[in-house]
PDB file of N, CA and C in Angstrom:
ATOM      1  N   UNK A   1       0.701  -0.879  -0.238  1.00  0.00           N
ATOM      2  CA  UNK A   1       0.097   0.132  -0.521  1.00  0.00           C
ATOM      3  C   UNK A   1       0.712   1.318  -0.256  1.00  0.00           C
ATOM      4  N   UNK A   2       1.820   1.422   1.032  1.00  0.00           N
ATOM      5  CA  UNK A   2       2.553   2.180   1.081  1.00  0.00           C
ATOM      6  C   UNK A   2       3.870   2.530  -0.061  1.00  0.00           C
ATOM      7  N   UNK A   3       3.992   1.316  -0.710  1.00  0.00           N
ATOM      8  CA  UNK A   3       5.250   1.260  -2.188  1.00  0.00           C
ATOM      9  C   UNK A   3       6.556   0.541  -1.271  1.00  0.00           C
ATOM     10  N   UNK A   4       6.637   0.275  -0.213  1.00  0.00           N
ATOM     11  CA  UNK A   4       7.702  -0.836   0.549  1.00  0.00           C
ATOM     12  C   UNK A   4       7.309  -2.031   1.302  1.00  0.00           C
ATOM     13  N   UNK A   5       8.184  -2.785   1.386  1.00  0.00           N
ATOM     14  CA  UNK A   5       7.943  -4.119   1.784  1.00  0.00           C
ATOM     15  C   UNK A   5       8.714  -4.128   3.087  1.00  0.00           C
ATOM     16  N   UNK A   6       7.559  -4.785   4.558  1.00  0.00           N
ATOM     17  CA  UNK A   6       8.650  -4.610   5.689  1.00  0.00           C
ATOM     18  C   UNK A   6       8.460  -6.180   6.195  1.00  0.00           C
ATOM     19  N   UNK A   7       9.319  -6.570   6.767  1.00  0.00           N
ATOM     20  CA  UNK A   7       9.370  -8.018   7.358  1.00  0.00           C
ATOM     21  C   UNK A   7       8.867  -8.027   8.781  1.00  0.00           C
ATOM     22  N   UNK A   8       7.937  -8.779   8.773  1.00  0.00           N
ATOM     23  CA  UNK A   8       6.744  -8.327  10.133  1.00  0.00           C
ATOM     24  C   UNK A   8       6.692  -9.640  11.092  1.00  0.00           C
ATOM     25  N   UNK A   9       6.830  -9.824  12.061  1.00  0.00           N
ATOM     26  CA  UNK A   9       6.842 -10.708  13.123  1.00  0.00           C
ATOM     27  C   UNK A   9       6.530 -10.420  14.309  1.00  0.00           C
ATOM     28  N   UNK A  10       6.064 -11.505  15.508  1.00  0.00           N
ATOM     29  CA  UNK A  10       5.284 -10.706  16.499  1.00  0.00           C
ATOM     30  C   UNK A  10       6.539 -10.351  17.584  1.00  0.00           C
ATOM     31  N   UNK A  11       6.196  -9.653  18.612  1.00  0.00           N
ATOM     32  CA  UNK A  11       7.315  -9.226  19.427  1.00  0.00           C
ATOM     33  C   UNK A  11       7.293 -10.127  20.599  1.00  0.00           C
ATOM     34  N   UNK A  12       8.354 -10.264  21.404  1.00  0.00           N
ATOM     35  CA  UNK A  12       8.586 -11.358  22.037  1.00  0.00           C
ATOM     36  C   UNK A  12       7.094 -11.125  23.363  1.00  0.00           C
ATOM     37  N   UNK A  13       7.286  -9.990  23.882  1.00  0.00           N
ATOM     38  CA  UNK A  13       6.576  -9.701  25.479  1.00  0.00           C
ATOM     39  C   UNK A  13       5.055 -10.123  24.975  1.00  0.00           C
ATOM     40  N   UNK A  14       4.435 -10.243  24.316  1.00  0.00           N
ATOM     41  CA  UNK A  14       2.773 -10.503  24.413  1.00  0.00           C
ATOM     42  C   UNK A  14       2.228 -11.033  23.078  1.00  0.00           C
ATOM     43  N   UNK A  15       3.216 -11.546  21.983  1.00  0.00           N
ATOM     44  CA  UNK A  15       2.984 -12.066  20.444  1.00  0.00           C
ATOM     45  C   UNK A  15       2.183 -11.586  19.466  1.00  0.00           C
ATOM     46  N   UNK A  16       2.025 -10.225  19.515  1.00  0.00           N
ATOM     47  CA  UNK A  16       1.485  -9.486  18.784  1.00  0.00           C
ATOM     48  C   UNK A  16       2.117  -8.851  17.526  1.00  0.00           C
ATOM     49  N   UNK A  17       1.509  -8.431  16.365  1.00  0.00           N
ATOM     50  CA  UNK A  17       2.221  -7.835  15.611  1.00  0.00           C
ATOM     51  C   UNK A  17       2.309  -5.988  15.916  1.00  0.00           C
ATOM     52  N   UNK A  18       3.728  -5.372  15.917  1.00  0.00           N
ATOM     53  CA  UNK A  18       3.834  -4.778  15.564  1.00  0.00           C
ATOM     54  C   UNK A  18       4.720  -3.862  14.421  1.00  0.00           C
ATOM     55  N   UNK A  19       3.741  -3.222  13.520  1.00  0.00           N
ATOM     56  CA  UNK A  19       4.129  -2.745  12.392  1.00  0.00           C
ATOM     57  C   UNK A  19       5.023  -0.852  12.480  1.00  0.00           C
ATOM     58  N   UNK A  20       6.034  -1.026  11.775  1.00  0.00           N
ATOM     59  CA  UNK A  20       6.860  -0.185  11.621  1.00  0.00           C
ATOM     60  C   UNK A  20       7.018   1.038  10.545  1.00  0.00           C
ATOM     61  N   UNK A  21       6.165   2.016  10.471  1.00  0.00           N
ATOM     62  CA  UNK A  21       6.902   2.980   9.140  1.00  0.00           C
ATOM     63  C   UNK A  21       7.148   3.889   9.261  1.00  0.00           C
ATOM     64  N   UNK A  22       7.914   4.612   8.467  1.00  0.00           N
ATOM     65  CA  UNK A  22       9.132   5.995   8.523  1.00  0.00           C
ATOM     66  C   UNK A  22       8.633   6.384   7.456  1.00  0.00           C
ATOM     67  N   UNK A  23       9.431   7.836   7.719  1.00  0.00           N
ATOM     68  CA  UNK A  23       9.238   8.626   7.006  1.00  0.00           C
ATOM     69  C   UNK A  23       8.371   8.943   5.872  1.00  0.00           C
ATOM     70  N   UNK A  24       8.854   8.837   4.481  1.00  0.00           N
ATOM     71  CA  UNK A  24       7.625   8.924   3.808  1.00  0.00           C
ATOM     72  C   UNK A  24       6.734   7.912   3.013  1.00  0.00           C
ATOM     73  N   UNK A  25       6.977   6.589   3.730  1.00  0.00           N
ATOM     74  CA  UNK A  25       5.999   5.433   3.632  1.00  0.00           C
ATOM     75  C   UNK A  25       5.357   5.595   5.096  1.00  0.00           C
ATOM     76  N   UNK A  26       5.367   5.951   5.898  1.00  0.00           N
ATOM     77  CA  UNK A  26       4.382   6.364   6.770  1.00  0.00           C
ATOM     78  C   UNK A  26       3.752   7.911   6.479  1.00  0.00           C
ATOM     79  N   UNK A  27       4.157   8.877   5.897  1.00  0.00           N
ATOM     80  CA  UNK A  27       2.936   9.278   5.401  1.00  0.00           C
ATOM     81  C   UNK A  27       2.143   9.322   4.416  1.00  0.00           C
ATOM     82  N   UNK A  28       2.378   8.570   3.179  1.00  0.00           N
ATOM     83  CA  UNK A  28       1.421   8.084   2.576  1.00  0.00           C
ATOM     84  C   UNK A  28       0.709   6.768   2.879  1.00  0.00           C
ATOM     85  N   UNK A  29       0.941   6.189   4.363  1.00  0.00           N
ATOM     86  CA  UNK A  29       0.130   5.103   4.693  1.00  0.00           C
ATOM     87  C   UNK A  29      -1.219   6.049   5.555  1.00  0.00           C
ATOM     88  N   UNK A  30      -0.468   6.980   6.346  1.00  0.00           N
ATOM     89  CA  UNK A  30      -0.911   8.279   7.575  1.00  0.00           C
ATOM     90  C   UNK A  30      -2.183   8.820   6.396  1.00  0.00           C
ATOM     91  N   UNK A  31      -1.762   9.119   5.526  1.00  0.00           N
ATOM     92  CA  UNK A  31      -2.927   9.923   4.647  1.00  0.00           C
ATOM     93  C   UNK A  31      -3.879   8.980   4.006  1.00  0.00           C
ATOM     94  N   UNK A  32      -3.337   7.858   3.786  1.00  0.00           N
ATOM     95  CA  UNK A  32      -4.393   6.879   2.709  1.00  0.00           C
ATOM     96  C   UNK A  32      -5.888   6.378   4.666  1.00  0.00           C
ATOM     97  N   UNK A  33      -5.297   6.358   5.311  1.00  0.00           N
ATOM     98  CA  UNK A  33      -5.933   5.896   6.851  1.00  0.00           C
ATOM     99  C   UNK A  33      -6.749   6.917   7.219  1.00  0.00           C
ATOM    100  N   UNK A  34      -5.845   8.092   7.208  1.00  0.00           N
ATOM    101  CA  UNK A  34      -6.718   9.246   8.057  1.00  0.00           C
ATOM    102  C   UNK A  34      -6.806  10.490   7.046  1.00  0.00           C
ATOM    103  N   UNK A  35      -8.004  10.074   5.748  1.00  0.00           N
ATOM    104  CA  UNK A  35      -8.655  11.187   5.217  1.00  0.00           C
ATOM    105  C   UNK A  35      -8.881  12.685   5.709  1.00  0.00           C
ATOM    106  N   UNK A  36      -9.471  13.503   5.536  1.00  0.00           N
ATOM    107  CA  UNK A  36     -10.267  14.617   5.855  1.00  0.00           C
ATOM    108  C   UNK A  36     -11.753  13.723   6.042  1.00  0.00           C
ATOM    109  N   UNK A  37     -12.468  13.837   7.100  1.00  0.00           N
ATOM    110  CA  UNK A  37     -13.789  13.275   7.413  1.00  0.00           C
ATOM    111  C   UNK A  37     -13.706  12.257   7.829  1.00  0.00           C
ATOM    112  N   UNK A  38     -12.364  11.184   8.388  1.00  0.00           N
ATOM    113  CA  UNK A  38     -12.539   9.778   8.213  1.00  0.00           C
ATOM    114  C   UNK A  38     -13.293   9.688   9.648  1.00  0.00           C
ATOM    115  N   UNK A  39     -13.471   8.283  10.444  1.00  0.00           N
ATOM    116  CA  UNK A  39     -13.762   7.745  11.397  1.00  0.00           C
ATOM    117  C   UNK A  39     -12.657   7.685  12.657  1.00  0.00           C
ATOM    118  N   UNK A  40     -12.393   8.934  12.993  1.00  0.00           N
ATOM    119  CA  UNK A  40     -11.056   8.394  13.726  1.00  0.00           C
ATOM    120  C   UNK A  40     -11.323   9.254  15.136  1.00  0.00           C
ATOM    121  N   UNK A  41      -9.956   8.176  16.361  1.00  0.00           N
ATOM    122  CA  UNK A  41      -9.838   9.144  17.265  1.00  0.00           C
ATOM    123  C   UNK A  41      -8.991  10.316  16.934  1.00  0.00           C
ATOM    124  N   UNK A  42      -9.732  11.016  17.739  1.00  0.00           N
ATOM    125  CA  UNK A  42      -8.922  12.529  17.556  1.00  0.00           C
ATOM    126  C   UNK A  42      -7.596  12.985  17.732  1.00  0.00           C
ATOM    127  N   UNK A  43      -7.258  12.047  18.679  1.00  0.00           N
ATOM    128  CA  UNK A  43      -5.364  11.971  18.869  1.00  0.00           C
ATOM    129  C   UNK A  43      -4.866  11.059  17.945  1.00  0.00           C
ATOM    130  N   UNK A  44      -5.406  10.130  17.526  1.00  0.00           N
ATOM    131  CA  UNK A  44      -5.050   9.540  16.401  1.00  0.00           C
ATOM    132  C   UNK A  44      -4.601  10.197  14.712  1.00  0.00           C
ATOM    133  N   UNK A  45      -5.680  10.949  14.731  1.00  0.00           N
ATOM    134  CA  UNK A  45      -5.804  12.072  13.101  1.00  0.00           C
ATOM    135  C   UNK A  45      -5.095  13.626  13.319  1.00  0.00           C
ATOM    136  N   UNK A  46      -4.789  13.610  14.821  1.00  0.00           N
ATOM    137  CA  UNK A  46      -4.036  14.713  15.361  1.00  0.00           C
ATOM    138  C   UNK A  46      -2.370  14.016  14.473  1.00  0.00           C
ATOM    139  N   UNK A  47      -2.184  12.900  15.123  1.00  0.00           N
ATOM    140  CA  UNK A  47      -1.080  12.403  15.211  1.00  0.00           C
ATOM    141  C   UNK A  47      -0.552  12.257  13.689  1.00  0.00           C
ATOM    142  N   UNK A  48      -1.641  11.857  12.582  1.00  0.00           N
ATOM    143  CA  UNK A  48      -1.175  11.976  11.573  1.00  0.00           C
ATOM    144  C   UNK A  48      -1.364  13.086  10.631  1.00  0.00           C
ATOM    145  N   UNK A  49      -1.836  14.307  11.284  1.00  0.00           N
ATOM    146  CA  UNK A  49      -1.747  15.607  11.109  1.00  0.00           C
ATOM    147  C   UNK A  49      -0.243  15.883  10.891  1.00  0.00           C
ATOM    148  N   UNK A  50      -0.199  15.489  12.119  1.00  0.00           N
ATOM    149  CA  UNK A  50       1.754  16.107  12.524  1.00  0.00           C
ATOM    150  C   UNK A  50       2.915  15.264  11.880  1.00  0.00           C
ATOM    151  N   UNK A  51       2.288  14.063  11.489  1.00  0.00           N
ATOM    152  CA  UNK A  51       3.425  13.286  10.188  1.00  0.00           C
ATOM    153  C   UNK A  51       3.401  14.159   9.170  1.00  0.00           C
ATOM    154  N   UNK A  52       2.182  14.018   8.569  1.00  0.00           N
ATOM    155  CA  UNK A  52       2.147  15.117   7.160  1.00  0.00           C
ATOM    156  C   UNK A  52       2.963  16.275   6.960  1.00  0.00           C
ATOM    157  N   UNK A  53       3.092  16.852   8.110  1.00  0.00           N
ATOM    158  CA  UNK A  53       3.976  18.341   8.128  1.00  0.00           C
ATOM    159  C   UNK A  53       5.468  17.640   7.915  1.00  0.00           C
ATOM    160  N   UNK A  54       5.599  16.378   8.533  1.00  0.00           N
ATOM    161  CA  UNK A  54       7.381  16.055   8.299  1.00  0.00           C
ATOM    162  C   UNK A  54       7.944  16.320   6.651  1.00  0.00           C
ATOM    163  N   UNK A  55       8.986  17.005   6.532  1.00  0.00           N
ATOM    164  CA  UNK A  55      10.053  16.894   5.913  1.00  0.00           C
ATOM    165  C   UNK A  55      11.331  16.503   5.955  1.00  0.00           C
ATOM    166  N   UNK A  56      12.236  15.781   4.789  1.00  0.00           N
ATOM    167  CA  UNK A  56      13.145  14.916   5.078  1.00  0.00           C
ATOM    168  C   UNK A  56      14.368  15.939   5.159  1.00  0.00           C
ATOM    169  N   UNK A  57      15.178  16.268   6.171  1.00  0.00           N
ATOM    170  CA  UNK A  57      16.036  17.085   6.401  1.00  0.00           C
ATOM    171  C   UNK A  57      17.517  16.887   5.469  1.00  0.00           C
ATOM    172  N   UNK A  58      17.305  18.218   4.689  1.00  0.00           N
ATOM    173  CA  UNK A  58      18.284  18.623   4.119  1.00  0.00           C
ATOM    174  C   UNK A  58      20.009  17.606   3.712  1.00  0.00           C
ATOM    175  N   UNK A  59      20.214  17.179   5.060  1.00  0.00           N
ATOM    176  CA  UNK A  59      21.111  16.006   4.404  1.00  0.00           C
ATOM    177  C   UNK A  59      21.013  14.900   4.741  1.00  0.00           C
ATOM    178  N   UNK A  60      19.983  14.306   5.184  1.00  0.00           N
ATOM    179  CA  UNK A  60      19.055  13.016   5.386  1.00  0.00           C
ATOM    180  C   UNK A  60      19.251  12.341   3.825  1.00  0.00           C
ATOM    181  N   UNK A  61      20.064  11.591   3.658  1.00  0.00           N
ATOM    182  CA  UNK A  61      20.095  10.514   2.404  1.00  0.00           C
ATOM    183  C   UNK A  61      18.642   9.740   2.017  1.00  0.00           C
ATOM    184  N   UNK A  62      18.559  10.069   0.584  1.00  0.00           N
ATOM    185  CA  UNK A  62      16.891   9.171   0.762  1.00  0.00           C
ATOM    186  C   UNK A  62      17.219   7.788   0.199  1.00  0.00           C
ATOM    187  N   UNK A  63      16.545   6.905   0.839  1.00  0.00           N
ATOM    188  CA  UNK A  63      16.795   5.535   0.123  1.00  0.00           C
ATOM    189  C   UNK A  63      16.621   5.185  -1.461  1.00  0.00           C
ATOM    190  N   UNK A  64      17.103   4.610  -2.612  1.00  0.00           N
ATOM    191  CA  UNK A  64      16.567   4.665  -3.726  1.00  0.00           C
ATOM    192  C   UNK A  64      16.341   3.143  -4.291  1.00  0.00           C
ATOM    193  N   UNK A  65      15.283   2.882  -4.911  1.00  0.00           N
ATOM    194  CA  UNK A  65      14.194   1.585  -5.245  1.00  0.00           C
ATOM    195  C   UNK A  65      15.423   0.991  -5.965  1.00  0.00           C
ATOM    196  N   UNK A  66      15.323  -0.220  -5.376  1.00  0.00           N
ATOM    197  CA  UNK A  66      16.330  -1.117  -6.154  1.00  0.00           C
ATOM    198  C   UNK A  66      16.240  -1.098  -7.616  1.00  0.00           C
ATOM    199  N   UNK A  67      17.554  -1.242  -8.369  1.00  0.00           N
ATOM    200  CA  UNK A  67      17.838  -1.055 -10.104  1.00  0.00           C
ATOM    201  C   UNK A  67      18.302  -2.502 -10.332  1.00  0.00           C
ATOM    202  N   UNK A  68      17.431  -3.752 -10.968  1.00  0.00           N
ATOM    203  CA  UNK A  68      17.818  -5.236 -10.618  1.00  0.00           C
ATOM    204  C   UNK A  68      18.862  -4.864 -12.015  1.00  0.00           C
ATOM    205  N   UNK A  69      19.690  -5.791 -11.891  1.00  0.00           N
ATOM    206  CA  UNK A  69      20.768  -6.078 -12.842  1.00  0.00           C
ATOM    207  C   UNK A  69      20.394  -6.774 -14.334  1.00  0.00           C
ATOM    208  N   UNK A  70      20.481  -6.168 -15.414  1.00  0.00           N
ATOM    209  CA  UNK A  70      20.218  -6.648 -16.663  1.00  0.00           C
ATOM    210  C   UNK A  70      21.293  -8.262 -17.118  1.00  0.00           C
ATOM    211  N   UNK A  71      21.216  -8.901 -17.865  1.00  0.00           N
ATOM    212  CA  UNK A  71      22.621  -9.354 -18.867  1.00  0.00           C
ATOM    213  C   UNK A  71      23.006  -9.157 -19.456  1.00  0.00           C
ATOM    214  N   UNK A  72      22.583  -7.757 -20.049  1.00  0.00           N
ATOM    215  CA  UNK A  72      23.471  -7.055 -20.759  1.00  0.00           C
ATOM    216  C   UNK A  72      24.896  -5.927 -19.475  1.00  0.00           C
ATOM    217  N   UNK A  73      24.453  -5.540 -18.703  1.00  0.00           N
ATOM    218  CA  UNK A  73      24.934  -5.333 -17.489  1.00  0.00           C
ATOM    219  C   UNK A  73      25.567  -6.293 -17.024  1.00  0.00           C
ATOM    220  N   UNK A  74      25.446  -7.419 -16.849  1.00  0.00           N
ATOM    221  CA  UNK A  74      26.561  -8.448 -16.383  1.00  0.00           C
ATOM    222  C   UNK A  74      27.662  -8.428 -17.537  1.00  0.00           C
ATOM    223  N   UNK A  75      27.325  -8.668 -18.515  1.00  0.00           N
ATOM    224  CA  UNK A  75      28.176  -9.167 -19.551  1.00  0.00           C
ATOM    225  C   UNK A  75      29.252  -7.611 -19.437  1.00  0.00           C
ATOM    226  N   UNK A  76      28.754  -6.345 -19.769  1.00  0.00           N
ATOM    227  CA  UNK A  76      29.837  -5.719 -19.574  1.00  0.00           C
ATOM    228  C   UNK A  76      30.618  -5.393 -18.402  1.00  0.00           C
ATOM    229  N   UNK A  77      29.954  -5.669 -16.786  1.00  0.00           N
ATOM    230  CA  UNK A  77      30.929  -5.795 -15.700  1.00  0.00           C
ATOM    231  C   UNK A  77      31.666  -7.013 -15.982  1.00  0.00           C
ATOM    232  N   UNK A  78      31.378  -8.281 -16.702  1.00  0.00           N
ATOM    233  CA  UNK A  78      32.468  -8.887 -17.016  1.00  0.00           C
ATOM    234  C   UNK A  78      33.479  -8.676 -17.487  1.00  0.00           C
ATOM    235  N   UNK A  79      33.336  -7.846 -19.046  1.00  0.00           N
ATOM    236  CA  UNK A  79      34.361  -7.944 -19.576  1.00  0.00           C
ATOM    237  C   UNK A  79      35.232  -6.419 -18.705  1.00  0.00           C
ATOM    238  N   UNK A  80      34.714  -5.632 -18.850  1.00  0.00           N
ATOM    239  CA  UNK A  80      35.560  -4.513 -17.929  1.00  0.00           C
ATOM    240  C   UNK A  80      36.409  -5.038 -17.452  1.00  0.00           C
ATOM    241  N   UNK A  81      35.857  -5.614 -15.844  1.00  0.00           N
ATOM    242  CA  UNK A  81      36.877  -6.529 -14.884  1.00  0.00           C
ATOM    243  C   UNK A  81      37.397  -5.246 -13.999  1.00  0.00           C
ATOM    244  N   UNK A  82      36.576  -4.675 -13.620  1.00  0.00           N
ATOM    245  CA  UNK A  82      36.679  -3.418 -12.974  1.00  0.00           C
ATOM    246  C   UNK A  82      36.018  -2.913 -12.216  1.00  0.00           C
ATOM    247  N   UNK A  83      35.449  -2.999 -11.211  1.00  0.00           N
ATOM    248  CA  UNK A  83      34.304  -2.169 -10.591  1.00  0.00           C
ATOM    249  C   UNK A  83      33.996  -0.766 -10.649  1.00  0.00           C
ATOM    250  N   UNK A  84      35.576  -0.393 -10.719  1.00  0.00           N
ATOM    251  CA  UNK A  84      35.435   1.507 -10.797  1.00  0.00           C
ATOM    252  C   UNK A  84      35.157   1.887 -12.314  1.00  0.00           C
ATOM    253  N   UNK A  85      35.371   0.882 -13.036  1.00  0.00           N
ATOM    254  CA  UNK A  85      35.225   1.230 -14.660  1.00  0.00           C
ATOM    255  C   UNK A  85      34.059   0.992 -14.837  1.00  0.00           C
ATOM    256  N   UNK A  86      33.290  -0.282 -14.224  1.00  0.00           N
ATOM    257  CA  UNK A  86      32.356  -0.516 -14.807  1.00  0.00           C
ATOM    258  C   UNK A  86      31.425   0.502 -14.073  1.00  0.00           C
ATOM    259  N   UNK A  87      31.405   0.565 -12.759  1.00  0.00           N
ATOM    260  CA  UNK A  87      30.694   1.790 -12.301  1.00  0.00           C
ATOM    261  C   UNK A  87      30.041   2.860 -12.962  1.00  0.00           C
ATOM    262  N   UNK A  88      31.535   3.703 -14.013  1.00  0.00           N
ATOM    263  CA  UNK A  88      31.102   4.637 -14.362  1.00  0.00           C
ATOM    264  C   UNK A  88      30.055   4.264 -15.806  1.00  0.00           C
ATOM    265  N   UNK A  89      30.870   3.402 -16.095  1.00  0.00           N
ATOM    266  CA  UNK A  89      29.765   3.361 -17.663  1.00  0.00           C
ATOM    267  C   UNK A  89      28.821   2.671 -17.389  1.00  0.00           C
ATOM    268  N   UNK A  90      28.255   2.077 -16.087  1.00  0.00           N
ATOM    269  CA  UNK A  90      26.740   1.961 -16.037  1.00  0.00           C
ATOM    270  C   UNK A  90      25.868   2.439 -15.202  1.00  0.00           C
ATOM    271  N   UNK A  91      26.667   3.266 -14.550  1.00  0.00           N
ATOM    272  CA  UNK A  91      25.411   4.394 -13.603  1.00  0.00           C
ATOM    273  C   UNK A  91      25.111   3.948 -12.199  1.00  0.00           C
ATOM    274  N   UNK A  92      26.264   3.372 -12.289  1.00  0.00           N
ATOM    275  CA  UNK A  92      25.673   2.402 -10.494  1.00  0.00           C
ATOM    276  C   UNK A  92      27.585   2.849  -9.682  1.00  0.00           C
ATOM    277  N   UNK A  93      27.206   2.273  -8.430  1.00  0.00           N
ATOM    278  CA  UNK A  93      28.447   2.628  -7.555  1.00  0.00           C
ATOM    279  C   UNK A  93      29.098   1.614  -7.289  1.00  0.00           C
ATOM    280  N   UNK A  94      30.554   2.122  -7.546  1.00  0.00           N
ATOM    281  CA  UNK A  94      31.559   1.105  -7.542  1.00  0.00           C
ATOM    282  C   UNK A  94      31.250  -0.198  -6.664  1.00  0.00           C
ATOM    283  N   UNK A  95      31.187   0.218  -4.835  1.00  0.00           N
ATOM    284  CA  UNK A  95      30.534  -1.012  -4.374  1.00  0.00           C
ATOM    285  C   UNK A  95      29.354  -1.925  -5.101  1.00  0.00           C
ATOM    286  N   UNK A  96      28.523  -1.343  -5.880  1.00  0.00           N
ATOM    287  CA  UNK A  96      26.759  -2.370  -6.549  1.00  0.00           C
ATOM    288  C   UNK A  96      28.412  -3.032  -7.225  1.00  0.00           C
ATOM    289  N   UNK A  97      28.987  -2.481  -8.116  1.00  0.00           N
ATOM    290  CA  UNK A  97      29.805  -3.239  -8.830  1.00  0.00           C
ATOM    291  C   UNK A  97      30.311  -4.308  -8.568  1.00  0.00           C
ATOM    292  N   UNK A  98      31.308  -4.211  -7.644  1.00  0.00           N
ATOM    293  CA  UNK A  98      32.035  -4.929  -7.123  1.00  0.00           C
ATOM    294  C   UNK A  98      31.416  -6.111  -6.468  1.00  0.00           C
ATOM    295  N   UNK A  99      29.617  -5.737  -5.662  1.00  0.00           N
ATOM    296  CA  UNK A  99      28.818  -6.302  -4.565  1.00  0.00           C
ATOM    297  C   UNK A  99      28.330  -7.934  -6.186  1.00  0.00           C
ATOM    298  N   UNK A 100      28.463  -7.327  -7.352  1.00  0.00           N
ATOM    299  CA  UNK A 100      27.899  -8.040  -8.395  1.00  0.00           C
ATOM    300  C   UNK A 100      28.969  -9.185  -9.198  1.00  0.00           C
ATOM    301  N   UNK A 101      30.259  -8.396  -8.938  1.00  0.00           N
ATOM    302  CA  UNK A 101      30.488  -9.481  -9.775  1.00  0.00           C
ATOM    303  C   UNK A 101      31.047 -10.503  -8.963  1.00  0.00           C
ATOM    304  N   UNK A 102      31.649 -10.104  -7.294  1.00  0.00           N
ATOM    305  CA  UNK A 102      31.127 -11.121  -6.425  1.00  0.00           C
ATOM    306  C   UNK A 102      30.687 -12.189  -7.107  1.00  0.00           C
ATOM    307  N   UNK A 103      30.046 -12.037  -6.872  1.00  0.00           N
ATOM    308  CA  UNK A 103      28.141 -12.775  -6.830  1.00  0.00           C
ATOM    309  C   UNK A 103      28.089 -13.673  -8.054  1.00  0.00           C
ATOM    310  N   UNK A 104      28.499 -12.783  -9.261  1.00  0.00           N
ATOM    311  CA  UNK A 104      28.549 -13.561 -10.680  1.00  0.00           C
ATOM    312  C   UNK A 104      29.706 -14.550 -10.552  1.00  0.00           C
ATOM    313  N   UNK A 105      31.006 -14.776 -10.041  1.00  0.00           N
ATOM    314  CA  UNK A 105      32.078 -14.990 -10.140  1.00  0.00           C
ATOM    315  C   UNK A 105      31.748 -16.481  -8.934  1.00  0.00           C
ATOM    316  N   UNK A 106      31.236 -16.311  -7.987  1.00  0.00           N
ATOM    317  CA  UNK A 106      30.718 -17.284  -6.886  1.00  0.00           C
ATOM    318  C   UNK A 106      29.657 -17.693  -7.166  1.00  0.00           C
ATOM    319  N   UNK A 107      28.837 -17.974  -8.021  1.00  0.00           N
ATOM    320  CA  UNK A 107      28.118 -18.844  -8.106  1.00  0.00           C
ATOM    321  C   UNK A 107      26.546 -18.243  -7.278  1.00  0.00           C
ATOM    322  N   UNK A 108      26.343 -17.109  -7.048  1.00  0.00           N
ATOM    323  CA  UNK A 108      25.421 -16.658  -6.388  1.00  0.00           C
ATOM    324  C   UNK A 108      24.502 -16.386  -7.412  1.00  0.00           C
ATOM    325  N   UNK A 109      24.685 -15.922  -8.251  1.00  0.00           N
ATOM    326  CA  UNK A 109      23.453 -15.364  -9.895  1.00  0.00           C
ATOM    327  C   UNK A 109      24.229 -15.997 -10.739  1.00  0.00           C
ATOM    328  N   UNK A 110      23.333 -16.905 -11.906  1.00  0.00           N
ATOM    329  CA  UNK A 110      23.886 -17.447 -12.886  1.00  0.00           C
ATOM    330  C   UNK A 110      24.753 -16.480 -13.884  1.00  0.00           C
ATOM    331  N   UNK A 111      25.527 -16.738 -14.118  1.00  0.00           N
ATOM    332  CA  UNK A 111      26.543 -15.921 -15.571  1.00  0.00           C
ATOM    333  C   UNK A 111      25.312 -15.562 -16.874  1.00  0.00           C
ATOM    334  N   UNK A 112      25.613 -14.916 -17.157  1.00  0.00           N
ATOM    335  CA  UNK A 112      24.889 -13.699 -18.245  1.00  0.00           C
ATOM    336  C   UNK A 112      24.578 -14.621 -19.618  1.00  0.00           C
ATOM    337  N   UNK A 113      23.928 -15.015 -20.320  1.00  0.00           N
ATOM    338  CA  UNK A 113      24.292 -16.171 -22.238  1.00  0.00           C
ATOM    339  C   UNK A 113      24.735 -15.342 -23.014  1.00  0.00           C
ATOM    340  N   UNK A 114      25.502 -15.903 -23.535  1.00  0.00           N
ATOM    341  CA  UNK A 114      26.150 -15.531 -24.354  1.00  0.00           C
ATOM    342  C   UNK A 114      25.206 -15.235 -25.633  1.00  0.00           C
ATOM    343  N   UNK A 115      24.670 -13.775 -25.788  1.00  0.00           N
ATOM    344  CA  UNK A 115      24.099 -13.441 -27.001  1.00  0.00           C
ATOM    345  C   UNK A 115      24.585 -12.116 -27.992  1.00  0.00           C
TER     346      UNK A 115
END
């Protein structure tokens, strides 16, 4: 509903589920649940209204949605054999390229077919 996936498990004390949403995902969820004129407790609606006013601090990094690797990118990565060089060519971070290269070489993910 809010565009993010959460791992949900029961808490240890009383075995109930406590679901946590934060930042923009929490704002989207609160806006869906506590729309103007909805039937709700006043304190809950007030909390949702205050959440709507939250703004990401300028220095806070925003997590990006995952960008899947394609077979073409895998071939380029393996051909260049350099995480730094591949990062520039593919518009990815060197760490991302380094990790993908390790996963390809260690068999964690299948090698791209030769096409």
